[in-house]
PDB file of N, CA and C in Angstrom:
ATOM      1  N   UNK A   1      59.938 245.674 245.869  1.00  0.00           N
ATOM      2  CA  UNK A   1      59.638 244.839 247.019  1.00  0.00           C
ATOM      3  C   UNK A   1      58.456 245.450 247.787  1.00  0.00           C
ATOM      4  N   UNK A   2      57.512 244.637 248.159  1.00  0.00           N
ATOM      5  CA  UNK A   2      56.311 245.118 248.852  1.00  0.00           C
ATOM      6  C   UNK A   2      56.649 245.537 250.283  1.00  0.00           C
ATOM      7  N   UNK A   3      56.019 246.616 250.697  1.00  0.00           N
ATOM      8  CA  UNK A   3      56.205 247.126 252.049  1.00  0.00           C
ATOM      9  C   UNK A   3      55.405 246.257 253.022  1.00  0.00           C
ATOM     10  N   UNK A   4      55.955 246.013 254.196  1.00  0.00           N
ATOM     11  CA  UNK A   4      55.274 245.220 255.210  1.00  0.00           C
ATOM     12  C   UNK A   4      54.048 245.970 255.739  1.00  0.00           C
ATOM     13  N   UNK A   5      52.981 245.236 256.022  1.00  0.00           N
ATOM     14  CA  UNK A   5      51.727 245.838 256.486  1.00  0.00           C
ATOM     15  C   UNK A   5      51.922 246.533 257.828  1.00  0.00           C
ATOM     16  N   UNK A   6      51.346 247.736 257.945  1.00  0.00           N
ATOM     17  CA  UNK A   6      51.414 248.492 259.187  1.00  0.00           C
ATOM     18  C   UNK A   6      50.565 247.799 260.242  1.00  0.00           C
ATOM     19  N   UNK A   7      51.056 247.647 261.451  1.00  0.00           N
ATOM     20  CA  UNK A   7      50.296 247.048 262.542  1.00  0.00           C
ATOM     21  C   UNK A   7      50.341 245.536 262.547  1.00  0.00           C
ATOM     22  N   UNK A   8      51.028 244.923 261.598  1.00  0.00           N
ATOM     23  CA  UNK A   8      51.183 243.481 261.609  1.00  0.00           C
ATOM     24  C   UNK A   8      50.102 242.702 260.884  1.00  0.00           C
ATOM     25  N   UNK A   9      49.093 243.357 260.324  1.00  0.00           N
ATOM     26  CA  UNK A   9      48.040 242.650 259.601  1.00  0.00           C
ATOM     27  C   UNK A   9      48.255 242.764 258.109  1.00  0.00           C
ATOM     28  N   UNK A  10      47.994 241.679 257.422  1.00  0.00           N
ATOM     29  CA  UNK A  10      47.969 241.726 255.968  1.00  0.00           C
ATOM     30  C   UNK A  10      46.689 241.022 255.525  1.00  0.00           C
ATOM     31  N   UNK A  11      46.038 241.580 254.526  1.00  0.00           N
ATOM     32  CA  UNK A  11      44.784 241.025 254.040  1.00  0.00           C
ATOM     33  C   UNK A  11      44.903 240.863 252.536  1.00  0.00           C
ATOM     34  N   UNK A  12      44.619 239.668 252.041  1.00  0.00           N
ATOM     35  CA  UNK A  12      44.711 239.411 250.618  1.00  0.00           C
ATOM     36  C   UNK A  12      43.335 239.081 250.058  1.00  0.00           C
ATOM     37  N   UNK A  13      42.928 239.836 249.050  1.00  0.00           N
ATOM     38  CA  UNK A  13      41.658 239.590 248.367  1.00  0.00           C
ATOM     39  C   UNK A  13      41.896 238.876 247.038  1.00  0.00           C
ATOM     40  N   UNK A  14      43.095 238.369 246.838  1.00  0.00           N
ATOM     41  CA  UNK A  14      43.451 237.713 245.588  1.00  0.00           C
ATOM     42  C   UNK A  14      42.534 236.508 245.340  1.00  0.00           C
ATOM     43  N   UNK A  15      41.986 236.457 244.143  1.00  0.00           N
ATOM     44  CA  UNK A  15      41.135 235.333 243.761  1.00  0.00           C
ATOM     45  C   UNK A  15      39.682 235.464 244.181  1.00  0.00           C
ATOM     46  N   UNK A  16      39.312 236.538 244.865  1.00  0.00           N
ATOM     47  CA  UNK A  16      37.917 236.734 245.304  1.00  0.00           C
ATOM     48  C   UNK A  16      37.083 237.199 244.127  1.00  0.00           C
ATOM     49  N   UNK A  17      35.871 236.686 243.979  1.00  0.00           N
ATOM     50  CA  UNK A  17      34.993 237.031 242.859  1.00  0.00           C
ATOM     51  C   UNK A  17      33.835 237.936 243.273  1.00  0.00           C
ATOM     52  N   UNK A  18      33.649 238.170 244.567  1.00  0.00           N
ATOM     53  CA  UNK A  18      32.537 238.979 245.059  1.00  0.00           C
ATOM     54  C   UNK A  18      32.690 240.439 244.627  1.00  0.00           C
ATOM     55  N   UNK A  19      31.566 241.087 244.365  1.00  0.00           N
ATOM     56  CA  UNK A  19      31.580 242.507 244.036  1.00  0.00           C
ATOM     57  C   UNK A  19      31.466 243.311 245.334  1.00  0.00           C
ATOM     58  N   UNK A  20      31.656 244.607 245.219  1.00  0.00           N
ATOM     59  CA  UNK A  20      31.507 245.502 246.375  1.00  0.00           C
ATOM     60  C   UNK A  20      30.062 245.408 246.893  1.00  0.00           C
ATOM     61  N   UNK A  21      29.119 245.301 245.988  1.00  0.00           N
ATOM     62  CA  UNK A  21      27.716 245.189 246.382  1.00  0.00           C
ATOM     63  C   UNK A  21      27.455 243.877 247.139  1.00  0.00           C
ATOM     64  N   UNK A  22      28.158 242.808 246.783  1.00  0.00           N
ATOM     65  CA  UNK A  22      28.022 241.542 247.514  1.00  0.00           C
ATOM     66  C   UNK A  22      28.483 241.695 248.963  1.00  0.00           C
ATOM     67  N   UNK A  23      29.518 242.466 249.172  1.00  0.00           N
ATOM     68  CA  UNK A  23      30.085 242.642 250.509  1.00  0.00           C
ATOM     69  C   UNK A  23      29.277 243.646 251.333  1.00  0.00           C
ATOM     70  N   UNK A  24      28.931 244.803 250.726  1.00  0.00           N
ATOM     71  CA  UNK A  24      28.303 245.891 251.474  1.00  0.00           C
ATOM     72  C   UNK A  24      26.792 245.996 251.302  1.00  0.00           C
ATOM     73  N   UNK A  25      26.229 245.339 250.291  1.00  0.00           N
ATOM     74  CA  UNK A  25      24.805 245.501 250.016  1.00  0.00           C
ATOM     75  C   UNK A  25      24.580 246.683 249.092  1.00  0.00           C
ATOM     76  N   UNK A  26      23.323 246.947 248.752  1.00  0.00           N
ATOM     77  CA  UNK A  26      23.046 247.990 247.770  1.00  0.00           C
ATOM     78  C   UNK A  26      22.542 249.300 248.383  1.00  0.00           C
ATOM     79  N   UNK A  27      22.319 249.322 249.691  1.00  0.00           N
ATOM     80  CA  UNK A  27      21.824 250.540 250.347  1.00  0.00           C
ATOM     81  C   UNK A  27      22.946 251.472 250.749  1.00  0.00           C
ATOM     82  N   UNK A  28      22.575 252.634 251.260  1.00  0.00           N
ATOM     83  CA  UNK A  28      23.553 253.604 251.743  1.00  0.00           C
ATOM     84  C   UNK A  28      24.096 253.150 253.093  1.00  0.00           C
ATOM     85  N   UNK A  29      25.401 253.368 253.289  1.00  0.00           N
ATOM     86  CA  UNK A  29      26.057 252.980 254.535  1.00  0.00           C
ATOM     87  C   UNK A  29      26.969 254.099 255.017  1.00  0.00           C
ATOM     88  N   UNK A  30      27.050 254.246 256.312  1.00  0.00           N
ATOM     89  CA  UNK A  30      28.027 255.144 256.917  1.00  0.00           C
ATOM     90  C   UNK A  30      29.399 254.457 256.860  1.00  0.00           C
ATOM     91  N   UNK A  31      30.470 255.222 256.828  1.00  0.00           N
ATOM     92  CA  UNK A  31      31.805 254.617 256.797  1.00  0.00           C
ATOM     93  C   UNK A  31      32.048 253.611 257.928  1.00  0.00           C
ATOM     94  N   UNK A  32      31.515 253.890 259.112  1.00  0.00           N
ATOM     95  CA  UNK A  32      31.707 252.960 260.237  1.00  0.00           C
ATOM     96  C   UNK A  32      31.013 251.627 259.970  1.00  0.00           C
ATOM     97  N   UNK A  33      29.849 251.656 259.336  1.00  0.00           N
ATOM     98  CA  UNK A  33      29.139 250.411 258.994  1.00  0.00           C
ATOM     99  C   UNK A  33      29.876 249.649 257.900  1.00  0.00           C
ATOM    100  N   UNK A  34      30.481 250.378 256.964  1.00  0.00           N
ATOM    101  CA  UNK A  34      31.270 249.725 255.919  1.00  0.00           C
ATOM    102  C   UNK A  34      32.443 248.972 256.531  1.00  0.00           C
ATOM    103  N   UNK A  35      33.095 249.610 257.494  1.00  0.00           N
ATOM    104  CA  UNK A  35      34.232 248.981 258.157  1.00  0.00           C
ATOM    105  C   UNK A  35      33.802 247.709 258.873  1.00  0.00           C
ATOM    106  N   UNK A  36      32.678 247.764 259.575  1.00  0.00           N
ATOM    107  CA  UNK A  36      32.170 246.585 260.287  1.00  0.00           C
ATOM    108  C   UNK A  36      31.867 245.454 259.319  1.00  0.00           C
ATOM    109  N   UNK A  37      31.184 245.769 258.218  1.00  0.00           N
ATOM    110  CA  UNK A  37      30.835 244.736 257.242  1.00  0.00           C
ATOM    111  C   UNK A  37      32.074 244.159 256.573  1.00  0.00           C
ATOM    112  N   UNK A  38      33.058 245.009 256.315  1.00  0.00           N
ATOM    113  CA  UNK A  38      34.292 244.539 255.702  1.00  0.00           C
ATOM    114  C   UNK A  38      35.013 243.557 256.619  1.00  0.00           C
ATOM    115  N   UNK A  39      35.084 243.849 257.919  1.00  0.00           N
ATOM    116  CA  UNK A  39      35.743 242.939 258.854  1.00  0.00           C
ATOM    117  C   UNK A  39      34.968 241.641 259.023  1.00  0.00           C
ATOM    118  N   UNK A  40      33.642 241.697 258.982  1.00  0.00           N
ATOM    119  CA  UNK A  40      32.836 240.467 259.028  1.00  0.00           C
ATOM    120  C   UNK A  40      33.188 239.594 257.826  1.00  0.00           C
ATOM    121  N   UNK A  41      33.284 240.201 256.650  1.00  0.00           N
ATOM    122  CA  UNK A  41      33.619 239.479 255.425  1.00  0.00           C
ATOM    123  C   UNK A  41      35.018 238.871 255.519  1.00  0.00           C
ATOM    124  N   UNK A  42      35.986 239.662 255.972  1.00  0.00           N
ATOM    125  CA  UNK A  42      37.367 239.187 256.087  1.00  0.00           C
ATOM    126  C   UNK A  42      37.471 238.004 257.029  1.00  0.00           C
ATOM    127  N   UNK A  43      36.805 238.084 258.176  1.00  0.00           N
ATOM    128  CA  UNK A  43      36.847 236.998 259.155  1.00  0.00           C
ATOM    129  C   UNK A  43      36.113 235.764 258.653  1.00  0.00           C
ATOM    130  N   UNK A  44      34.958 235.957 257.997  1.00  0.00           N
ATOM    131  CA  UNK A  44      34.156 234.845 257.488  1.00  0.00           C
ATOM    132  C   UNK A  44      34.943 234.036 256.455  1.00  0.00           C
ATOM    133  N   UNK A  45      35.715 234.730 255.615  1.00  0.00           N
ATOM    134  CA  UNK A  45      36.448 234.066 254.543  1.00  0.00           C
ATOM    135  C   UNK A  45      37.922 233.821 254.896  1.00  0.00           C
ATOM    136  N   UNK A  46      38.295 234.096 256.149  1.00  0.00           N
ATOM    137  CA  UNK A  46      39.651 233.854 256.664  1.00  0.00           C
ATOM    138  C   UNK A  46      40.723 234.472 255.757  1.00  0.00           C
ATOM    139  N   UNK A  47      40.568 235.767 255.478  1.00  0.00           N
ATOM    140  CA  UNK A  47      41.493 236.472 254.599  1.00  0.00           C
ATOM    141  C   UNK A  47      42.614 237.185 255.336  1.00  0.00           C
ATOM    142  N   UNK A  48      42.503 237.336 256.651  1.00  0.00           N
ATOM    143  CA  UNK A  48      43.502 238.098 257.396  1.00  0.00           C
ATOM    144  C   UNK A  48      44.634 237.187 257.854  1.00  0.00           C
ATOM    145  N   UNK A  49      45.811 237.763 257.903  1.00  0.00           N
ATOM    146  CA  UNK A  49      46.970 237.052 258.411  1.00  0.00           C
ATOM    147  C   UNK A  49      47.777 237.987 259.276  1.00  0.00           C
ATOM    148  N   UNK A  50      48.408 237.453 260.280  1.00  0.00           N
ATOM    149  CA  UNK A  50      49.221 238.280 261.168  1.00  0.00           C
ATOM    150  C   UNK A  50      50.671 238.126 260.838  1.00  0.00           C
TER     151      UNK A  50
END
């Protein structure tokens, strides 16, 4: 049985075809910039659920 998401958020990437490079780009990024880009992607594609 799957454990419930910590903090009440669950994010499903099931069925997504984008590569990591599609989400983050091909240049170097700091971890904080990766997090920002990841949340932009999640919100744009409505992947988050509470």
